[in-house]
C-alpha atoms as a PDB file:
ATOM      1  CA  UNK A   1      49.103 143.534 168.224  1.00  0.00           C
ATOM      2  CA  UNK A   2      50.170 141.662 165.086  1.00  0.00           C
ATOM      3  CA  UNK A   3      53.592 140.057 165.107  1.00  0.00           C
ATOM      4  CA  UNK A   4      56.091 140.898 162.402  1.00  0.00           C
ATOM      5  CA  UNK A   5      56.088 138.204 159.751  1.00  0.00           C
ATOM      6  CA  UNK A   6      52.659 136.780 160.592  1.00  0.00           C
ATOM      7  CA  UNK A   7      51.572 137.009 156.936  1.00  0.00           C
ATOM      8  CA  UNK A   8      54.673 135.105 155.803  1.00  0.00           C
ATOM      9  CA  UNK A   9      53.923 132.338 158.314  1.00  0.00           C
ATOM     10  CA  UNK A  10      50.286 132.182 157.225  1.00  0.00           C
ATOM     11  CA  UNK A  11      51.221 132.067 153.519  1.00  0.00           C
ATOM     12  CA  UNK A  12      53.783 129.282 154.069  1.00  0.00           C
ATOM     13  CA  UNK A  13      51.276 127.267 156.130  1.00  0.00           C
ATOM     14  CA  UNK A  14      48.647 127.576 153.403  1.00  0.00           C
ATOM     15  CA  UNK A  15      51.171 126.568 150.748  1.00  0.00           C
ATOM     16  CA  UNK A  16      52.289 123.497 152.736  1.00  0.00           C
ATOM     17  CA  UNK A  17      48.645 122.562 153.364  1.00  0.00           C
ATOM     18  CA  UNK A  18      47.922 122.677 149.616  1.00  0.00           C
ATOM     19  CA  UNK A  19      51.083 120.685 148.825  1.00  0.00           C
ATOM     20  CA  UNK A  20      50.202 118.015 151.409  1.00  0.00           C
ATOM     21  CA  UNK A  21      46.740 117.644 149.933  1.00  0.00           C
ATOM     22  CA  UNK A  22      48.080 117.408 146.384  1.00  0.00           C
ATOM     23  CA  UNK A  23      51.276 115.363 146.941  1.00  0.00           C
ATOM     24  CA  UNK A  24      50.391 113.220 149.943  1.00  0.00           C
ATOM     25  CA  UNK A  25      46.625 112.854 149.420  1.00  0.00           C
ATOM     26  CA  UNK A  26      45.549 114.137 152.835  1.00  0.00           C
ATOM     27  CA  UNK A  27      41.867 114.978 153.214  1.00  0.00           C
ATOM     28  CA  UNK A  28      40.293 117.835 155.172  1.00  0.00           C
ATOM     29  CA  UNK A  29      39.415 115.670 158.176  1.00  0.00           C
ATOM     30  CA  UNK A  30      43.054 114.526 158.479  1.00  0.00           C
ATOM     31  CA  UNK A  31      44.315 118.034 159.269  1.00  0.00           C
ATOM     32  CA  UNK A  32      44.350 119.847 162.578  1.00  0.00           C
ATOM     33  CA  UNK A  33      45.265 123.424 161.687  1.00  0.00           C
ATOM     34  CA  UNK A  34      45.881 126.392 163.995  1.00  0.00           C
ATOM     35  CA  UNK A  35      47.049 129.834 162.925  1.00  0.00           C
ATOM     36  CA  UNK A  36      48.026 132.608 165.324  1.00  0.00           C
ATOM     37  CA  UNK A  37      50.090 135.733 164.742  1.00  0.00           C
ATOM     38  CA  UNK A  38      53.560 134.497 163.811  1.00  0.00           C
ATOM     39  CA  UNK A  39      52.810 130.818 164.506  1.00  0.00           C
ATOM     40  CA  UNK A  40      51.014 128.066 162.611  1.00  0.00           C
ATOM     41  CA  UNK A  41      50.539 124.441 163.582  1.00  0.00           C
ATOM     42  CA  UNK A  42      49.517 121.814 161.060  1.00  0.00           C
ATOM     43  CA  UNK A  43      49.055 118.279 162.378  1.00  0.00           C
ATOM     44  CA  UNK A  44      48.341 115.186 160.295  1.00  0.00           C
ATOM     45  CA  UNK A  45      47.876 111.550 161.280  1.00  0.00           C
ATOM     46  CA  UNK A  46      51.547 110.916 160.383  1.00  0.00           C
ATOM     47  CA  UNK A  47      53.379 114.013 161.669  1.00  0.00           C
ATOM     48  CA  UNK A  48      53.037 117.399 163.358  1.00  0.00           C
ATOM     49  CA  UNK A  49      54.409 120.584 161.836  1.00  0.00           C
ATOM     50  CA  UNK A  50      55.072 124.036 163.313  1.00  0.00           C
ATOM     51  CA  UNK A  51      55.922 127.209 161.431  1.00  0.00           C
ATOM     52  CA  UNK A  52      57.053 130.203 163.454  1.00  0.00           C
ATOM     53  CA  UNK A  53      58.821 133.482 163.092  1.00  0.00           C
ATOM     54  CA  UNK A  54      61.008 134.784 165.896  1.00  0.00           C
ATOM     55  CA  UNK A  55      63.452 137.580 166.390  1.00  0.00           C
ATOM     56  CA  UNK A  56      67.039 136.592 165.616  1.00  0.00           C
ATOM     57  CA  UNK A  57      69.011 136.420 168.888  1.00  0.00           C
ATOM     58  CA  UNK A  58      72.210 137.654 167.199  1.00  0.00           C
ATOM     59  CA  UNK A  59      70.653 140.440 165.143  1.00  0.00           C
ATOM     60  CA  UNK A  60      67.651 142.154 166.812  1.00  0.00           C
ATOM     61  CA  UNK A  61      66.440 143.766 163.574  1.00  0.00           C
ATOM     62  CA  UNK A  62      66.303 140.409 161.775  1.00  0.00           C
ATOM     63  CA  UNK A  63      63.797 137.585 162.045  1.00  0.00           C
ATOM     64  CA  UNK A  64      64.073 133.826 161.564  1.00  0.00           C
ATOM     65  CA  UNK A  65      61.310 131.862 159.858  1.00  0.00           C
ATOM     66  CA  UNK A  66      61.432 128.233 161.026  1.00  0.00           C
ATOM     67  CA  UNK A  67      59.612 125.159 159.812  1.00  0.00           C
ATOM     68  CA  UNK A  68      59.743 122.272 162.287  1.00  0.00           C
ATOM     69  CA  UNK A  69      58.441 118.764 162.018  1.00  0.00           C
ATOM     70  CA  UNK A  70      57.967 118.242 165.733  1.00  0.00           C
ATOM     71  CA  UNK A  71      56.591 114.721 165.855  1.00  0.00           C
ATOM     72  CA  UNK A  72      56.919 111.913 163.362  1.00  0.00           C
ATOM     73  CA  UNK A  73      54.375 109.181 164.046  1.00  0.00           C
ATOM     74  CA  UNK A  74      55.149 107.229 160.865  1.00  0.00           C
ATOM     75  CA  UNK A  75      58.862 106.490 160.468  1.00  0.00           C
ATOM     76  CA  UNK A  76      58.268 105.344 156.866  1.00  0.00           C
ATOM     77  CA  UNK A  77      57.783 109.015 155.910  1.00  0.00           C
ATOM     78  CA  UNK A  78      61.551 109.418 156.143  1.00  0.00           C
ATOM     79  CA  UNK A  79      61.721 107.241 153.001  1.00  0.00           C
ATOM     80  CA  UNK A  80      58.728 108.825 151.223  1.00  0.00           C
ATOM     81  CA  UNK A  81      59.945 110.754 148.149  1.00  0.00           C
ATOM     82  CA  UNK A  82      56.954 113.134 148.110  1.00  0.00           C
ATOM     83  CA  UNK A  83      57.471 114.004 151.789  1.00  0.00           C
ATOM     84  CA  UNK A  84      61.217 114.569 151.307  1.00  0.00           C
ATOM     85  CA  UNK A  85      60.686 116.664 148.172  1.00  0.00           C
ATOM     86  CA  UNK A  86      58.095 118.801 149.944  1.00  0.00           C
ATOM     87  CA  UNK A  87      60.212 119.511 153.021  1.00  0.00           C
ATOM     88  CA  UNK A  88      63.689 119.516 151.422  1.00  0.00           C
ATOM     89  CA  UNK A  89      63.783 123.307 150.959  1.00  0.00           C
ATOM     90  CA  UNK A  90      62.338 123.905 154.442  1.00  0.00           C
ATOM     91  CA  UNK A  91      64.103 121.527 156.835  1.00  0.00           C
ATOM     92  CA  UNK A  92      67.896 121.663 157.157  1.00  0.00           C
ATOM     93  CA  UNK A  93      68.548 120.201 160.588  1.00  0.00           C
ATOM     94  CA  UNK A  94      67.426 117.134 162.524  1.00  0.00           C
ATOM     95  CA  UNK A  95      66.967 117.631 166.270  1.00  0.00           C
ATOM     96  CA  UNK A  96      66.435 114.849 168.776  1.00  0.00           C
ATOM     97  CA  UNK A  97      65.500 115.555 172.394  1.00  0.00           C
ATOM     98  CA  UNK A  98      66.354 113.043 175.101  1.00  0.00           C
ATOM     99  CA  UNK A  99      63.792 111.857 177.628  1.00  0.00           C
ATOM    100  CA  UNK A 100      66.483 111.910 180.326  1.00  0.00           C
ATOM    101  CA  UNK A 101      69.808 113.709 180.717  1.00  0.00           C
ATOM    102  CA  UNK A 102      72.757 112.082 179.008  1.00  0.00           C
ATOM    103  CA  UNK A 103      76.072 111.704 180.857  1.00  0.00           C
ATOM    104  CA  UNK A 104      78.417 113.203 178.275  1.00  0.00           C
ATOM    105  CA  UNK A 105      81.870 112.708 179.848  1.00  0.00           C
ATOM    106  CA  UNK A 106      81.614 108.928 179.470  1.00  0.00           C
ATOM    107  CA  UNK A 107      80.267 109.292 175.934  1.00  0.00           C
ATOM    108  CA  UNK A 108      83.187 111.551 174.983  1.00  0.00           C
ATOM    109  CA  UNK A 109      85.650 109.033 176.424  1.00  0.00           C
ATOM    110  CA  UNK A 110      84.034 106.290 174.338  1.00  0.00           C
ATOM    111  CA  UNK A 111      84.224 108.360 171.136  1.00  0.00           C
ATOM    112  CA  UNK A 112      87.852 109.336 171.760  1.00  0.00           C
ATOM    113  CA  UNK A 113      88.712 105.624 171.830  1.00  0.00           C
ATOM    114  CA  UNK A 114      87.540 105.191 168.213  1.00  0.00           C
ATOM    115  CA  UNK A 115      90.437 106.335 165.991  1.00  0.00           C
ATOM    116  CA  UNK A 116      88.285 106.742 162.854  1.00  0.00           C
ATOM    117  CA  UNK A 117      86.125 109.439 164.451  1.00  0.00           C
ATOM    118  CA  UNK A 118      88.185 110.827 167.349  1.00  0.00           C
ATOM    119  CA  UNK A 119      89.802 113.448 165.088  1.00  0.00           C
ATOM    120  CA  UNK A 120      86.395 114.991 164.371  1.00  0.00           C
ATOM    121  CA  UNK A 121      85.481 115.296 168.045  1.00  0.00           C
ATOM    122  CA  UNK A 122      85.532 118.640 169.859  1.00  0.00           C
ATOM    123  CA  UNK A 123      84.252 119.519 173.336  1.00  0.00           C
ATOM    124  CA  UNK A 124      84.738 122.131 176.088  1.00  0.00           C
ATOM    125  CA  UNK A 125      86.890 121.329 179.164  1.00  0.00           C
ATOM    126  CA  UNK A 126      83.826 120.664 181.332  1.00  0.00           C
ATOM    127  CA  UNK A 127      82.473 118.060 178.833  1.00  0.00           C
ATOM    128  CA  UNK A 128      79.038 119.713 178.944  1.00  0.00           C
ATOM    129  CA  UNK A 129      78.582 119.215 175.200  1.00  0.00           C
ATOM    130  CA  UNK A 130      80.415 117.884 172.179  1.00  0.00           C
ATOM    131  CA  UNK A 131      80.541 118.297 168.445  1.00  0.00           C
ATOM    132  CA  UNK A 132      81.403 115.479 166.092  1.00  0.00           C
ATOM    133  CA  UNK A 133      82.309 116.386 162.492  1.00  0.00           C
ATOM    134  CA  UNK A 134      82.238 113.486 160.097  1.00  0.00           C
ATOM    135  CA  UNK A 135      83.249 114.741 156.647  1.00  0.00           C
ATOM    136  CA  UNK A 136      82.955 111.214 155.235  1.00  0.00           C
ATOM    137  CA  UNK A 137      79.230 111.404 156.047  1.00  0.00           C
ATOM    138  CA  UNK A 138      78.996 115.126 155.214  1.00  0.00           C
ATOM    139  CA  UNK A 139      77.500 115.718 158.654  1.00  0.00           C
ATOM    140  CA  UNK A 140      78.102 117.446 161.958  1.00  0.00           C
ATOM    141  CA  UNK A 141      76.505 116.250 165.186  1.00  0.00           C
ATOM    142  CA  UNK A 142      76.131 118.602 168.166  1.00  0.00           C
ATOM    143  CA  UNK A 143      75.187 117.004 171.481  1.00  0.00           C
ATOM    144  CA  UNK A 144      74.218 118.440 174.861  1.00  0.00           C
ATOM    145  CA  UNK A 145      72.872 116.617 177.903  1.00  0.00           C
ATOM    146  CA  UNK A 146      69.319 117.134 176.654  1.00  0.00           C
ATOM    147  CA  UNK A 147      69.448 116.944 172.874  1.00  0.00           C
ATOM    148  CA  UNK A 148      71.382 116.341 169.686  1.00  0.00           C
ATOM    149  CA  UNK A 149      71.367 118.136 166.342  1.00  0.00           C
ATOM    150  CA  UNK A 150      72.412 116.779 162.959  1.00  0.00           C
ATOM    151  CA  UNK A 151      73.247 119.087 160.085  1.00  0.00           C
ATOM    152  CA  UNK A 152      74.940 118.520 156.750  1.00  0.00           C
ATOM    153  CA  UNK A 153      78.291 120.199 156.162  1.00  0.00           C
ATOM    154  CA  UNK A 154      77.390 120.990 152.553  1.00  0.00           C
ATOM    155  CA  UNK A 155      74.169 121.981 150.799  1.00  0.00           C
ATOM    156  CA  UNK A 156      70.864 121.127 152.496  1.00  0.00           C
ATOM    157  CA  UNK A 157      69.351 117.842 151.374  1.00  0.00           C
ATOM    158  CA  UNK A 158      66.693 116.353 153.647  1.00  0.00           C
ATOM    159  CA  UNK A 159      66.945 112.820 152.240  1.00  0.00           C
ATOM    160  CA  UNK A 160      70.715 112.784 152.675  1.00  0.00           C
ATOM    161  CA  UNK A 161      70.404 114.332 156.152  1.00  0.00           C
ATOM    162  CA  UNK A 162      68.010 111.594 157.285  1.00  0.00           C
ATOM    163  CA  UNK A 163      70.154 108.850 155.764  1.00  0.00           C
ATOM    164  CA  UNK A 164      73.442 110.120 157.206  1.00  0.00           C
ATOM    165  CA  UNK A 165      71.906 110.863 160.604  1.00  0.00           C
ATOM    166  CA  UNK A 166      70.728 107.266 160.745  1.00  0.00           C
ATOM    167  CA  UNK A 167      74.265 106.077 159.941  1.00  0.00           C
ATOM    168  CA  UNK A 168      75.696 108.255 162.724  1.00  0.00           C
ATOM    169  CA  UNK A 169      73.127 106.858 165.154  1.00  0.00           C
ATOM    170  CA  UNK A 170      74.279 103.369 164.164  1.00  0.00           C
ATOM    171  CA  UNK A 171      77.907 104.350 164.805  1.00  0.00           C
ATOM    172  CA  UNK A 172      76.946 105.754 168.200  1.00  0.00           C
ATOM    173  CA  UNK A 173      75.024 102.579 169.053  1.00  0.00           C
ATOM    174  CA  UNK A 174      78.038 100.446 168.086  1.00  0.00           C
ATOM    175  CA  UNK A 175      80.117 102.670 170.396  1.00  0.00           C
ATOM    176  CA  UNK A 176      77.856 101.867 173.335  1.00  0.00           C
ATOM    177  CA  UNK A 177      75.484 104.822 173.266  1.00  0.00           C
ATOM    178  CA  UNK A 178      72.146 103.537 174.386  1.00  0.00           C
ATOM    179  CA  UNK A 179      69.979 105.583 172.070  1.00  0.00           C
ATOM    180  CA  UNK A 180      66.585 104.326 171.044  1.00  0.00           C
ATOM    181  CA  UNK A 181      64.392 106.219 168.643  1.00  0.00           C
ATOM    182  CA  UNK A 182      60.796 105.534 167.923  1.00  0.00           C
ATOM    183  CA  UNK A 183      58.029 107.232 166.034  1.00  0.00           C
ATOM    184  CA  UNK A 184      55.057 108.148 168.191  1.00  0.00           C
END
Protein backbone atom coordinates (compact mmCIF):
# COMPACT_ATOMS: atom_id res chain seq x y z
CA UNK A 1 0.00 0.00 0.00
CA UNK A 2 1.33 3.45 -0.90
CA UNK A 3 1.97 5.85 1.95
CA UNK A 4 0.34 9.26 1.96
CA UNK A 5 2.76 11.87 0.71
CA UNK A 6 5.09 9.46 -1.10
CA UNK A 7 4.93 11.55 -4.29
CA UNK A 8 5.87 14.71 -2.37
CA UNK A 9 8.89 12.92 -0.87
CA UNK A 10 9.93 11.59 -4.28
CA UNK A 11 9.56 15.02 -5.92
CA UNK A 12 11.60 16.75 -3.19
CA UNK A 13 14.33 14.09 -3.43
CA UNK A 14 14.56 14.52 -7.20
CA UNK A 15 14.70 18.30 -6.83
CA UNK A 16 17.48 18.11 -4.22
CA UNK A 17 19.38 15.63 -6.40
CA UNK A 18 19.23 18.04 -9.36
CA UNK A 19 20.26 20.99 -7.16
CA UNK A 20 23.23 19.05 -5.73
CA UNK A 21 24.40 18.16 -9.22
CA UNK A 22 24.06 21.74 -10.44
CA UNK A 23 25.22 23.69 -7.35
CA UNK A 24 27.70 21.32 -5.74
CA UNK A 25 29.01 19.52 -8.85
CA UNK A 26 28.28 15.97 -7.68
CA UNK A 27 28.46 13.27 -10.35
CA UNK A 28 26.24 10.21 -10.75
CA UNK A 29 28.75 7.84 -9.13
CA UNK A 30 28.91 10.05 -6.02
CA UNK A 31 25.25 9.45 -5.14
CA UNK A 32 23.70 6.55 -3.30
CA UNK A 33 19.96 7.02 -3.76
CA UNK A 34 17.09 4.98 -2.31
CA UNK A 35 13.40 5.77 -2.68
CA UNK A 36 10.62 3.92 -0.87
CA UNK A 37 7.03 4.94 -0.20
CA UNK A 38 7.25 8.02 2.01
CA UNK A 39 11.03 7.83 2.50
CA UNK A 40 14.04 8.79 0.39
CA UNK A 41 17.71 8.53 1.24
CA UNK A 42 20.35 10.42 -0.70
CA UNK A 43 23.96 9.89 0.37
CA UNK A 44 27.00 11.72 -0.99
CA UNK A 45 30.68 11.46 -0.11
CA UNK A 46 30.27 14.51 2.17
CA UNK A 47 26.89 13.96 3.87
CA UNK A 48 23.82 11.73 4.13
CA UNK A 49 20.30 13.04 3.67
CA UNK A 50 16.89 11.57 4.54
CA UNK A 51 13.50 12.85 3.46
CA UNK A 52 10.44 11.33 5.11
CA UNK A 53 6.80 11.98 5.67
CA UNK A 54 5.15 10.87 8.89
CA UNK A 55 1.84 11.37 10.59
CA UNK A 56 1.80 14.34 12.95
CA UNK A 57 1.65 13.07 16.55
CA UNK A 58 -0.48 16.03 17.67
CA UNK A 59 -2.88 16.06 14.73
CA UNK A 60 -3.64 12.60 13.26
CA UNK A 61 -5.08 14.00 10.02
CA UNK A 62 -1.92 16.02 9.32
CA UNK A 63 1.47 14.91 8.07
CA UNK A 64 4.99 16.25 8.59
CA UNK A 65 7.50 16.31 5.74
CA UNK A 66 11.04 16.27 7.17
CA UNK A 67 14.40 16.76 5.53
CA UNK A 68 17.30 15.56 7.69
CA UNK A 69 21.00 15.74 7.11
CA UNK A 70 21.86 12.71 9.22
CA UNK A 71 25.62 12.54 8.84
CA UNK A 72 28.08 15.26 7.95
CA UNK A 73 31.42 13.78 6.93
CA UNK A 74 32.90 17.11 5.79
CA UNK A 75 32.61 19.82 8.45
CA UNK A 76 33.65 22.47 5.89
CA UNK A 77 30.18 22.12 4.31
CA UNK A 78 28.81 24.13 7.23
CA UNK A 79 30.67 27.11 5.71
CA UNK A 80 29.82 26.32 2.06
CA UNK A 81 27.45 29.00 0.69
CA UNK A 82 25.94 26.71 -1.97
CA UNK A 83 25.20 24.01 0.63
CA UNK A 84 23.64 26.53 3.04
CA UNK A 85 21.57 28.16 0.30
CA UNK A 86 20.30 24.77 -0.87
CA UNK A 87 19.25 23.54 2.57
CA UNK A 88 18.23 26.87 4.16
CA UNK A 89 14.53 26.47 3.32
CA UNK A 90 14.55 22.80 4.36
CA UNK A 91 16.53 22.54 7.60
CA UNK A 92 15.42 24.56 10.64
CA UNK A 93 16.87 22.64 13.56
CA UNK A 94 20.24 21.13 14.46
CA UNK A 95 20.11 17.88 16.42
CA UNK A 96 23.09 16.23 18.08
CA UNK A 97 22.88 12.74 19.58
CA UNK A 98 25.24 11.72 22.36
CA UNK A 99 27.22 8.49 22.24
CA UNK A 100 26.63 8.04 25.98
CA UNK A 101 24.04 9.36 28.43
CA UNK A 102 24.73 12.81 29.82
CA UNK A 103 24.33 13.48 33.56
CA UNK A 104 22.11 16.55 33.43
CA UNK A 105 21.78 17.54 37.11
CA UNK A 106 25.46 18.49 37.29
CA UNK A 107 25.24 20.31 33.96
CA UNK A 108 22.24 22.32 35.18
CA UNK A 109 24.11 23.25 38.36
CA UNK A 110 27.04 24.46 36.26
CA UNK A 111 24.80 26.58 34.02
CA UNK A 112 22.95 28.09 36.99
CA UNK A 113 26.30 29.35 38.29
CA UNK A 114 26.80 31.51 35.17
CA UNK A 115 24.79 34.72 35.73
CA UNK A 116 24.77 35.74 32.05
CA UNK A 117 22.84 32.62 31.00
CA UNK A 118 21.15 31.35 34.17
CA UNK A 119 18.06 33.50 33.51
CA UNK A 120 17.42 31.66 30.24
CA UNK A 121 17.60 28.22 31.85
CA UNK A 122 14.48 26.14 32.50
CA UNK A 123 14.19 22.51 33.62
CA UNK A 124 11.72 20.13 35.32
CA UNK A 125 12.12 19.25 39.03
CA UNK A 126 13.70 15.88 38.22
CA UNK A 127 16.40 17.53 36.03
CA UNK A 128 15.72 15.02 33.25
CA UNK A 129 16.09 17.72 30.60
CA UNK A 130 16.70 21.43 30.26
CA UNK A 131 16.04 24.28 27.90
CA UNK A 132 18.38 27.21 27.51
CA UNK A 133 17.04 30.32 25.74
CA UNK A 134 19.70 32.74 24.63
CA UNK A 135 18.01 35.73 22.98
CA UNK A 136 21.39 37.39 22.44
CA UNK A 137 22.24 34.47 20.13
CA UNK A 138 18.67 34.17 18.81
CA UNK A 139 18.71 30.50 19.79
CA UNK A 140 17.09 27.96 22.07
CA UNK A 141 18.87 24.78 23.13
CA UNK A 142 16.89 21.76 24.36
CA UNK A 143 18.88 18.99 26.03
CA UNK A 144 17.96 15.50 27.23
CA UNK A 145 20.26 12.75 28.46
CA UNK A 146 20.62 11.45 24.91
CA UNK A 147 20.53 14.46 22.62
CA UNK A 148 20.41 18.21 22.14
CA UNK A 149 18.47 20.38 19.69
CA UNK A 150 19.29 23.89 18.54
CA UNK A 151 16.67 26.11 16.95
CA UNK A 152 16.56 29.81 16.19
CA UNK A 153 14.03 31.93 18.05
CA UNK A 154 13.28 33.98 14.94
CA UNK A 155 13.06 33.16 11.24
CA UNK A 156 14.86 30.04 9.98
CA UNK A 157 18.35 30.69 8.66
CA UNK A 158 20.63 27.66 8.36
CA UNK A 159 23.88 29.66 8.23
CA UNK A 160 22.94 31.61 11.35
CA UNK A 161 21.75 28.42 13.08
CA UNK A 162 25.09 26.70 12.46
CA UNK A 163 27.07 29.75 13.54
CA UNK A 164 25.07 30.36 16.73
CA UNK A 165 24.98 26.67 17.62
CA UNK A 166 28.76 26.62 17.42
CA UNK A 167 28.92 29.63 19.76
CA UNK A 168 26.62 27.89 22.25
CA UNK A 169 28.79 24.78 22.11
CA UNK A 170 31.79 26.98 22.91
CA UNK A 171 29.93 28.48 25.89
CA UNK A 172 29.04 24.99 27.10
CA UNK A 173 32.66 23.86 26.73
CA UNK A 174 33.86 26.88 28.72
CA UNK A 175 31.31 25.89 31.40
CA UNK A 176 32.87 22.44 31.71
CA UNK A 177 30.64 20.42 29.40
CA UNK A 178 32.83 17.82 27.81
CA UNK A 179 31.28 17.85 24.37
CA UNK A 180 33.32 16.85 21.37
CA UNK A 181 31.93 16.96 17.88
CA UNK A 182 33.49 15.48 14.83
CA UNK A 183 32.46 14.89 11.26
CA UNK A 184 32.50 11.24 10.26
